Amino acid sequence: MKCPSCGAQASGKFCSSCGKPLLTEECLACGAFTPPGSRFCTSCGQAMSGTGAADAARREPKSPPGSNAVWWGAGVLLVLAILAVGFPVLSRSAPGPGPDSGVGAPGTGGPEMGGGLADLTSMPLEEQALVLFNRVMISNSAGNVTDVAFFLPKALAIHEQLSPTDQDGLYHHALLLMVAEDPQGALDKALKGLEEVPDYLLLLAVAGEASAILGDRAAAREFYAHFLEVYDAEMELMRSGYDHHKPILPLYRDEAIGFLRGG
């Protein structure tokens, strides 16, 4: 088939020439088109009428490490990235992606945007990490391979330099590693945070997803089962990091339920 964005011959879900999605679903609320398998509209944030990301993930096998796993996003990671558009997960202190964020708008970044990077480097290191994390998540959800390839190494380098030890920081680092097709690295970060706070929901979800991708379904079941066991109590506690990721927690719960039901 021809890519509707660039006209190149392509197959699968994403064009190998421009990285844009080949199949889209129209949002009934605003009329925008979103990548396939989306739960939420990348323009207005409304729930999509088609199949959800978790259902798509259960229909299709996980990509093994070393494959094009940056697009395994039919599962939890794509949901998170889409939520980043309608819900600024990095609203604690850093500006969100936009005209004043120093990293430009989705689809406009790349090696040519030197001015934006100069603005970015003027920020404190922690702020750079938050802005770059948000940019990678949004670019990944939009299928912008060029932006992901450009910003992901920088985001990872900043996180390695910061070496976060708090659970929320480890969660961000783990998600970036998932986009980088490194589920083992993501699992290691999740386990590091779970050593101190074994019931931390966000890290349990990442650990379950990473274990499933690595083929360790037994471990994935344990992480997901523990997630469901402590979910209500943890939501009552509302630990640090849960507040600005609150919309994703029920989706992680659905993902855990679906995985355990699927065997």
C-alpha atoms as a PDB file:
ATOM      1  CA  MET A   1       0.000   0.000   0.000  1.00  0.00           C
ATOM      2  CA  LYS A   2       1.021   3.643  -0.376  1.00  0.00           C
ATOM      3  CA  CYS A   3       1.837   5.686   2.699  1.00  0.00           C
ATOM      4  CA  PRO A   4      -0.844   8.389   3.061  1.00  0.00           C
ATOM      5  CA  SER A   5       1.804  10.822   4.355  1.00  0.00           C
ATOM      6  CA  CYS A   6       4.705  10.514   1.867  1.00  0.00           C
ATOM      7  CA  GLY A   7       3.374   8.258  -0.926  1.00  0.00           C
ATOM      8  CA  ALA A   8       6.090   5.615  -0.558  1.00  0.00           C
ATOM      9  CA  GLN A   9       5.236   1.936  -0.898  1.00  0.00           C
ATOM     10  CA  ALA A  10       5.009   0.481   2.587  1.00  0.00           C
ATOM     11  CA  SER A  11       3.534  -2.325   4.656  1.00  0.00           C
ATOM     12  CA  GLY A  12       2.788  -2.972   8.320  1.00  0.00           C
ATOM     13  CA  LYS A  13       1.624  -0.312  10.742  1.00  0.00           C
ATOM     14  CA  PHE A  14       4.279   2.344  10.071  1.00  0.00           C
ATOM     15  CA  CYS A  15       5.929   3.665   6.896  1.00  0.00           C
ATOM     16  CA  SER A  16       9.584   2.654   6.605  1.00  0.00           C
ATOM     17  CA  SER A  17      10.348   5.913   4.765  1.00  0.00           C
ATOM     18  CA  CYS A  18       8.765   8.596   6.940  1.00  0.00           C
ATOM     19  CA  GLY A  19       7.741   6.681  10.081  1.00  0.00           C
ATOM     20  CA  LYS A  20       4.124   7.828   9.961  1.00  0.00           C
ATOM     21  CA  PRO A  21       1.324   5.360  10.802  1.00  0.00           C
ATOM     22  CA  LEU A  22      -0.218   3.620   7.780  1.00  0.00           C
ATOM     23  CA  LEU A  23      -3.523   2.955   9.520  1.00  0.00           C
ATOM     24  CA  THR A  24      -5.333   5.579  11.525  1.00  0.00           C
ATOM     25  CA  GLU A  25      -8.545   5.949  13.459  1.00  0.00           C
ATOM     26  CA  GLU A  26     -10.624   9.119  13.429  1.00  0.00           C
ATOM     27  CA  CYS A  27     -11.485  10.682  16.789  1.00  0.00           C
ATOM     28  CA  LEU A  28     -15.249  11.163  17.063  1.00  0.00           C
ATOM     29  CA  ALA A  29     -14.756  14.136  19.380  1.00  0.00           C
ATOM     30  CA  CYS A  30     -12.407  16.343  17.332  1.00  0.00           C
ATOM     31  CA  GLY A  31     -11.944  14.594  13.972  1.00  0.00           C
ATOM     32  CA  ALA A  32      -8.181  14.137  14.352  1.00  0.00           C
ATOM     33  CA  PHE A  33      -6.501  10.909  13.257  1.00  0.00           C
ATOM     34  CA  THR A  34      -4.444   8.840  15.700  1.00  0.00           C
ATOM     35  CA  PRO A  35      -1.980   5.940  15.380  1.00  0.00           C
ATOM     36  CA  PRO A  36      -3.501   2.431  15.276  1.00  0.00           C
ATOM     37  CA  GLY A  37      -4.322   0.813  18.633  1.00  0.00           C
ATOM     38  CA  SER A  38      -4.662   4.136  20.420  1.00  0.00           C
ATOM     39  CA  ARG A  39      -6.850   4.335  23.515  1.00  0.00           C
ATOM     40  CA  PHE A  40      -6.867   8.141  23.532  1.00  0.00           C
ATOM     41  CA  CYS A  41      -6.813  10.834  20.862  1.00  0.00           C
ATOM     42  CA  THR A  42      -3.364  12.405  20.502  1.00  0.00           C
ATOM     43  CA  SER A  43      -5.031  15.754  19.775  1.00  0.00           C
ATOM     44  CA  CYS A  44      -7.793  16.195  22.367  1.00  0.00           C
ATOM     45  CA  GLY A  45      -7.190  13.293  24.782  1.00  0.00           C
ATOM     46  CA  GLN A  46     -10.680  11.801  24.413  1.00  0.00           C
ATOM     47  CA  ALA A  47     -11.107   8.023  24.543  1.00  0.00           C
ATOM     48  CA  MET A  48     -11.137   6.424  21.095  1.00  0.00           C
ATOM     49  CA  SER A  49     -14.089   4.325  20.004  1.00  0.00           C
ATOM     50  CA  GLY A  50     -12.041   1.508  18.508  1.00  0.00           C
ATOM     51  CA  THR A  51     -10.117  -1.283  20.186  1.00  0.00           C
ATOM     52  CA  GLY A  52      -7.933  -0.250  23.087  1.00  0.00           C
ATOM     53  CA  ALA A  53      -4.212  -0.519  23.350  1.00  0.00           C
ATOM     54  CA  ALA A  54      -4.363  -3.264  25.958  1.00  0.00           C
ATOM     55  CA  ASP A  55      -6.691  -5.343  23.734  1.00  0.00           C
ATOM     56  CA  ALA A  56      -4.354  -4.857  20.787  1.00  0.00           C
ATOM     57  CA  ALA A  57      -1.432  -5.949  22.901  1.00  0.00           C
ATOM     58  CA  ARG A  58      -3.211  -9.159  23.852  1.00  0.00           C
ATOM     59  CA  ARG A  59      -4.108  -9.912  20.235  1.00  0.00           C
ATOM     60  CA  GLU A  60      -0.562  -9.519  18.966  1.00  0.00           C
ATOM     61  CA  PRO A  61       2.622 -11.182  20.296  1.00  0.00           C
ATOM     62  CA  LYS A  62       5.180  -9.020  22.017  1.00  0.00           C
ATOM     63  CA  SER A  63       8.193  -8.047  19.917  1.00  0.00           C
ATOM     64  CA  PRO A  64      11.340  -9.855  21.109  1.00  0.00           C
ATOM     65  CA  PRO A  65      14.404  -7.854  22.123  1.00  0.00           C
ATOM     66  CA  GLY A  66      16.354  -6.710  19.071  1.00  0.00           C
ATOM     67  CA  SER A  67      13.284  -6.406  16.823  1.00  0.00           C
ATOM     68  CA  ASN A  68      11.546  -3.121  16.076  1.00  0.00           C
ATOM     69  CA  ALA A  69      10.451  -2.933  19.698  1.00  0.00           C
ATOM     70  CA  VAL A  70      10.185   0.844  19.677  1.00  0.00           C
ATOM     71  CA  TRP A  71       6.770   0.162  18.112  1.00  0.00           C
ATOM     72  CA  TRP A  72       5.692  -2.460  20.636  1.00  0.00           C
ATOM     73  CA  GLY A  73       3.637   0.564  21.767  1.00  0.00           C
ATOM     74  CA  ALA A  74       0.322  -1.229  21.166  1.00  0.00           C
ATOM     75  CA  GLY A  75       0.737  -1.969  24.882  1.00  0.00           C
ATOM     76  CA  VAL A  76       1.267   0.182  27.925  1.00  0.00           C
ATOM     77  CA  LEU A  77       4.083   2.396  26.637  1.00  0.00           C
ATOM     78  CA  LEU A  78       2.032   3.794  23.750  1.00  0.00           C
ATOM     79  CA  VAL A  79      -0.822   4.493  26.152  1.00  0.00           C
ATOM     80  CA  LEU A  80       1.570   6.433  28.351  1.00  0.00           C
ATOM     81  CA  ALA A  81       2.968   8.353  25.430  1.00  0.00           C
ATOM     82  CA  ILE A  82      -0.477   9.310  24.176  1.00  0.00           C
ATOM     83  CA  LEU A  83      -1.470  10.443  27.643  1.00  0.00           C
ATOM     84  CA  ALA A  84       1.566  12.702  27.652  1.00  0.00           C
ATOM     85  CA  VAL A  85      -0.073  14.729  24.882  1.00  0.00           C
ATOM     86  CA  GLY A  86      -3.345  15.347  26.706  1.00  0.00           C
ATOM     87  CA  PHE A  87      -1.980  15.138  30.232  1.00  0.00           C
ATOM     88  CA  PRO A  88       1.451  16.686  30.968  1.00  0.00           C
ATOM     89  CA  VAL A  89       3.065  13.933  33.041  1.00  0.00           C
ATOM     90  CA  LEU A  90       6.041  16.199  33.655  1.00  0.00           C
ATOM     91  CA  SER A  91       4.189  19.118  35.173  1.00  0.00           C
ATOM     92  CA  ARG A  92       6.128  19.241  38.434  1.00  0.00           C
ATOM     93  CA  SER A  93       8.612  21.962  37.514  1.00  0.00           C
ATOM     94  CA  ALA A  94       9.624  21.661  33.884  1.00  0.00           C
ATOM     95  CA  PRO A  95       7.796  23.291  30.985  1.00  0.00           C
ATOM     96  CA  GLY A  96       5.933  20.906  28.769  1.00  0.00           C
ATOM     97  CA  PRO A  97       6.750  20.562  25.065  1.00  0.00           C
ATOM     98  CA  GLY A  98       5.745  23.720  23.305  1.00  0.00           C
ATOM     99  CA  PRO A  99       7.062  26.983  21.907  1.00  0.00           C
ATOM    100  CA  ASP A 100       8.936  27.844  25.093  1.00  0.00           C
ATOM    101  CA  SER A 101      10.201  24.403  26.031  1.00  0.00           C
ATOM    102  CA  GLY A 102      13.451  24.568  24.085  1.00  0.00           C
ATOM    103  CA  VAL A 103      12.732  21.398  22.118  1.00  0.00           C
ATOM    104  CA  GLY A 104      10.118  22.480  19.574  1.00  0.00           C
ATOM    105  CA  ALA A 105       6.872  20.826  18.581  1.00  0.00           C
ATOM    106  CA  PRO A 106       6.451  17.155  17.604  1.00  0.00           C
ATOM    107  CA  GLY A 107       7.612  16.590  14.047  1.00  0.00           C
ATOM    108  CA  THR A 108       9.812  19.700  13.953  1.00  0.00           C
ATOM    109  CA  GLY A 109      12.789  18.381  15.901  1.00  0.00           C
ATOM    110  CA  GLY A 110      15.928  16.690  14.649  1.00  0.00           C
ATOM    111  CA  PRO A 111      19.604  17.387  14.091  1.00  0.00           C
ATOM    112  CA  GLU A 112      18.781  20.721  12.462  1.00  0.00           C
ATOM    113  CA  MET A 113      17.235  22.331  15.561  1.00  0.00           C
ATOM    114  CA  GLY A 114      20.448  23.574  17.145  1.00  0.00           C
ATOM    115  CA  GLY A 115      18.821  26.668  18.632  1.00  0.00           C
ATOM    116  CA  GLY A 116      16.357  24.594  20.604  1.00  0.00           C
ATOM    117  CA  LEU A 117      19.114  22.471  22.066  1.00  0.00           C
ATOM    118  CA  ALA A 118      20.979  25.597  23.156  1.00  0.00           C
ATOM    119  CA  ASP A 119      17.887  26.640  25.081  1.00  0.00           C
ATOM    120  CA  LEU A 120      17.579  23.163  26.553  1.00  0.00           C
ATOM    121  CA  THR A 121      21.140  23.095  27.855  1.00  0.00           C
ATOM    122  CA  SER A 122      20.533  26.358  29.702  1.00  0.00           C
ATOM    123  CA  MET A 123      18.079  24.500  31.966  1.00  0.00           C
ATOM    124  CA  PRO A 124      19.078  22.681  35.160  1.00  0.00           C
ATOM    125  CA  LEU A 125      19.916  19.032  34.563  1.00  0.00           C
ATOM    126  CA  GLU A 126      16.758  17.761  36.289  1.00  0.00           C
ATOM    127  CA  GLU A 127      14.625  20.017  34.109  1.00  0.00           C
ATOM    128  CA  GLN A 128      16.397  18.817  30.956  1.00  0.00           C
ATOM    129  CA  ALA A 129      15.618  15.238  31.942  1.00  0.00           C
ATOM    130  CA  LEU A 130      11.920  15.992  32.372  1.00  0.00           C
ATOM    131  CA  VAL A 131      11.590  17.919  29.106  1.00  0.00           C
ATOM    132  CA  LEU A 132      13.467  15.277  27.097  1.00  0.00           C
ATOM    133  CA  PHE A 133      11.442  12.468  28.654  1.00  0.00           C
ATOM    134  CA  ASN A 134       8.222  14.202  27.666  1.00  0.00           C
ATOM    135  CA  ARG A 135       9.510  14.848  24.149  1.00  0.00           C
ATOM    136  CA  VAL A 136      10.494  11.216  23.593  1.00  0.00           C
ATOM    137  CA  MET A 137       7.137   9.950  24.847  1.00  0.00           C
ATOM    138  CA  ILE A 138       5.160  12.323  22.609  1.00  0.00           C
ATOM    139  CA  SER A 139       7.326  11.633  19.554  1.00  0.00           C
ATOM    140  CA  ASN A 140       7.030   7.892  20.124  1.00  0.00           C
ATOM    141  CA  SER A 141       3.244   8.085  20.350  1.00  0.00           C
ATOM    142  CA  ALA A 142       3.116  10.102  17.121  1.00  0.00           C
ATOM    143  CA  GLY A 143       5.258   7.566  15.252  1.00  0.00           C
ATOM    144  CA  ASN A 144       7.981  10.168  14.688  1.00  0.00           C
ATOM    145  CA  VAL A 145      11.011   7.910  14.263  1.00  0.00           C
ATOM    146  CA  THR A 146      13.339  10.808  13.435  1.00  0.00           C
ATOM    147  CA  ASP A 147      12.567  12.679  16.640  1.00  0.00           C
ATOM    148  CA  VAL A 148      12.778   9.536  18.758  1.00  0.00           C
ATOM    149  CA  ALA A 149      16.140   8.604  17.248  1.00  0.00           C
ATOM    150  CA  PHE A 150      17.454  12.123  17.864  1.00  0.00           C
ATOM    151  CA  PHE A 151      16.153  12.823  21.359  1.00  0.00           C
ATOM    152  CA  LEU A 152      16.217   9.354  22.956  1.00  0.00           C
ATOM    153  CA  PRO A 153      20.036   9.102  23.260  1.00  0.00           C
ATOM    154  CA  LYS A 154      20.127  12.570  24.826  1.00  0.00           C
ATOM    155  CA  ALA A 155      17.346  11.702  27.263  1.00  0.00           C
ATOM    156  CA  LEU A 156      19.119   8.480  28.248  1.00  0.00           C
ATOM    157  CA  ALA A 157      22.462  10.255  28.655  1.00  0.00           C
ATOM    158  CA  ILE A 158      20.897  12.858  30.959  1.00  0.00           C
ATOM    159  CA  HIS A 159      19.205  10.160  33.043  1.00  0.00           C
ATOM    160  CA  GLU A 160      22.443   8.181  33.279  1.00  0.00           C
ATOM    161  CA  GLN A 161      24.200  11.339  34.434  1.00  0.00           C
ATOM    162  CA  LEU A 162      21.521  12.061  37.008  1.00  0.00           C
ATOM    163  CA  SER A 163      21.268   8.385  38.001  1.00  0.00           C
ATOM    164  CA  PRO A 164      17.906   8.842  39.754  1.00  0.00           C
ATOM    165  CA  THR A 165      17.290   6.734  42.830  1.00  0.00           C
ATOM    166  CA  ASP A 166      13.754   7.839  43.653  1.00  0.00           C
ATOM    167  CA  GLN A 167      10.940   5.606  42.410  1.00  0.00           C
ATOM    168  CA  ASP A 168       9.450   8.189  40.043  1.00  0.00           C
ATOM    169  CA  GLY A 169      12.827   8.973  38.490  1.00  0.00           C
ATOM    170  CA  LEU A 170      13.556   5.275  38.046  1.00  0.00           C
ATOM    171  CA  TYR A 171      10.156   4.882  36.416  1.00  0.00           C
ATOM    172  CA  HIS A 172      10.966   7.577  33.841  1.00  0.00           C
ATOM    173  CA  HIS A 173      14.373   6.018  33.184  1.00  0.00           C
ATOM    174  CA  ALA A 174      12.803   2.578  32.755  1.00  0.00           C
ATOM    175  CA  LEU A 175      10.286   3.849  30.204  1.00  0.00           C
ATOM    176  CA  LEU A 176      13.041   5.454  28.148  1.00  0.00           C
ATOM    177  CA  LEU A 177      14.908   2.151  28.155  1.00  0.00           C
ATOM    178  CA  MET A 178      11.773   0.416  26.896  1.00  0.00           C
ATOM    179  CA  VAL A 179      11.629   2.813  23.946  1.00  0.00           C
ATOM    180  CA  ALA A 180      15.331   2.055  23.386  1.00  0.00           C
ATOM    181  CA  GLU A 181      14.463  -1.647  22.975  1.00  0.00           C
ATOM    182  CA  ASP A 182      16.202  -2.521  26.249  1.00  0.00           C
ATOM    183  CA  PRO A 183      13.588  -4.332  28.367  1.00  0.00           C
ATOM    184  CA  GLN A 184      16.313  -5.882  30.510  1.00  0.00           C
ATOM    185  CA  GLY A 185      17.650  -2.440  31.384  1.00  0.00           C
ATOM    186  CA  ALA A 186      14.117  -1.271  32.130  1.00  0.00           C
ATOM    187  CA  LEU A 187      13.535  -4.285  34.355  1.00  0.00           C
ATOM    188  CA  ASP A 188      16.780  -3.589  36.214  1.00  0.00           C
ATOM    189  CA  LYS A 189      15.685  -0.010  36.945  1.00  0.00           C
ATOM    190  CA  ALA A 190      12.261  -1.212  38.092  1.00  0.00           C
ATOM    191  CA  LEU A 191      13.787  -3.827  40.388  1.00  0.00           C
ATOM    192  CA  LYS A 192      16.133  -1.225  41.877  1.00  0.00           C
ATOM    193  CA  GLY A 193      13.170   0.920  42.882  1.00  0.00           C
ATOM    194  CA  LEU A 194      11.143  -2.045  44.090  1.00  0.00           C
ATOM    195  CA  GLU A 195      13.924  -3.038  46.472  1.00  0.00           C
ATOM    196  CA  GLU A 196      13.101   0.044  48.541  1.00  0.00           C
ATOM    197  CA  VAL A 197       9.346   0.253  47.877  1.00  0.00           C
ATOM    198  CA  PRO A 198       8.115  -3.237  46.859  1.00  0.00           C
ATOM    199  CA  ASP A 199       4.535  -2.060  46.303  1.00  0.00           C
ATOM    200  CA  TYR A 200       5.282   0.900  44.007  1.00  0.00           C
ATOM    201  CA  LEU A 201       2.622   0.495  41.318  1.00  0.00           C
ATOM    202  CA  LEU A 202       4.357   2.216  38.404  1.00  0.00           C
ATOM    203  CA  LEU A 203       7.486   0.105  38.759  1.00  0.00           C
ATOM    204  CA  LEU A 204       5.491  -3.112  39.230  1.00  0.00           C
ATOM    205  CA  ALA A 205       3.726  -2.390  35.944  1.00  0.00           C
ATOM    206  CA  VAL A 206       6.988  -1.757  34.093  1.00  0.00           C
ATOM    207  CA  ALA A 207       8.541  -4.875  35.625  1.00  0.00           C
ATOM    208  CA  GLY A 208       5.581  -6.945  34.467  1.00  0.00           C
ATOM    209  CA  GLU A 209       5.695  -5.562  30.932  1.00  0.00           C
ATOM    210  CA  ALA A 210       9.473  -5.916  30.621  1.00  0.00           C
ATOM    211  CA  SER A 211       9.378  -9.494  31.949  1.00  0.00           C
ATOM    212  CA  ALA A 212       6.681 -10.386  29.415  1.00  0.00           C
ATOM    213  CA  ILE A 213       8.758  -8.974  26.560  1.00  0.00           C
ATOM    214  CA  LEU A 214      11.785 -10.932  27.788  1.00  0.00           C
ATOM    215  CA  GLY A 215       9.695 -14.111  27.686  1.00  0.00           C
ATOM    216  CA  ASP A 216       9.561 -14.657  31.440  1.00  0.00           C
ATOM    217  CA  ARG A 217       5.802 -14.995  31.771  1.00  0.00           C
ATOM    218  CA  ALA A 218       6.056 -16.473  35.269  1.00  0.00           C
ATOM    219  CA  ALA A 219       7.823 -13.360  36.541  1.00  0.00           C
ATOM    220  CA  ALA A 220       5.408 -11.141  34.645  1.00  0.00           C
ATOM    221  CA  ARG A 221       2.477 -12.887  36.322  1.00  0.00           C
ATOM    222  CA  GLU A 222       4.043 -12.350  39.748  1.00  0.00           C
ATOM    223  CA  PHE A 223       4.564  -8.632  39.127  1.00  0.00           C
ATOM    224  CA  TYR A 224       1.076  -8.134  37.719  1.00  0.00           C
ATOM    225  CA  ALA A 225      -0.548 -10.201  40.482  1.00  0.00           C
ATOM    226  CA  HIS A 226       1.271  -8.171  43.142  1.00  0.00           C
ATOM    227  CA  PHE A 227       0.241  -4.960  41.375  1.00  0.00           C
ATOM    228  CA  LEU A 228      -3.428  -5.946  41.636  1.00  0.00           C
ATOM    229  CA  GLU A 229      -3.027  -7.142  45.225  1.00  0.00           C
ATOM    230  CA  VAL A 230      -1.742  -3.776  46.473  1.00  0.00           C
ATOM    231  CA  TYR A 231      -3.532  -1.487  44.005  1.00  0.00           C
ATOM    232  CA  ASP A 232      -6.328  -0.219  46.270  1.00  0.00           C
ATOM    233  CA  ALA A 233      -4.049   0.350  49.257  1.00  0.00           C
ATOM    234  CA  GLU A 234      -1.469   2.139  47.117  1.00  0.00           C
ATOM    235  CA  MET A 235      -4.080   4.397  45.571  1.00  0.00           C
ATOM    236  CA  GLU A 236      -5.128   5.365  49.080  1.00  0.00           C
ATOM    237  CA  LEU A 237      -1.518   6.143  49.983  1.00  0.00           C
ATOM    238  CA  MET A 238      -0.984   8.139  46.761  1.00  0.00           C
ATOM    239  CA  ARG A 239       2.797   7.939  46.976  1.00  0.00           C
ATOM    240  CA  SER A 240       5.089  10.519  45.425  1.00  0.00           C
ATOM    241  CA  GLY A 241       4.912  10.209  41.649  1.00  0.00           C
ATOM    242  CA  TYR A 242       1.378   8.808  41.558  1.00  0.00           C
ATOM    243  CA  ASP A 243      -0.187  12.271  41.441  1.00  0.00           C
ATOM    244  CA  HIS A 244       1.207  13.329  38.060  1.00  0.00           C
ATOM    245  CA  HIS A 245       0.819   9.809  36.599  1.00  0.00           C
ATOM    246  CA  LYS A 246      -2.623   9.215  38.064  1.00  0.00           C
ATOM    247  CA  PRO A 247      -4.513   8.727  34.740  1.00  0.00           C
ATOM    248  CA  ILE A 248      -2.264   5.831  33.705  1.00  0.00           C
ATOM    249  CA  LEU A 249      -2.694   3.769  36.876  1.00  0.00           C
ATOM    250  CA  PRO A 250      -6.178   2.401  36.036  1.00  0.00           C
ATOM    251  CA  LEU A 251      -4.869   1.526  32.559  1.00  0.00           C
ATOM    252  CA  TYR A 252      -1.985  -0.380  34.093  1.00  0.00           C
ATOM    253  CA  ARG A 253      -4.565  -2.191  36.228  1.00  0.00           C
ATOM    254  CA  ASP A 254      -6.498  -3.172  33.081  1.00  0.00           C
ATOM    255  CA  GLU A 255      -3.256  -4.349  31.494  1.00  0.00           C
ATOM    256  CA  ALA A 256      -2.459  -6.512  34.539  1.00  0.00           C
ATOM    257  CA  ILE A 257      -5.961  -8.033  34.579  1.00  0.00           C
ATOM    258  CA  GLY A 258      -5.808  -8.740  30.863  1.00  0.00           C
ATOM    259  CA  PHE A 259      -2.391 -10.385  31.111  1.00  0.00           C
ATOM    260  CA  LEU A 260      -3.418 -12.642  33.974  1.00  0.00           C
ATOM    261  CA  ARG A 261      -6.631 -13.637  32.230  1.00  0.00           C
ATOM    262  CA  GLY A 262      -4.697 -14.438  29.088  1.00  0.00           C
ATOM    263  CA  GLY A 263      -2.590 -17.019  30.863  1.00  0.00           C
END
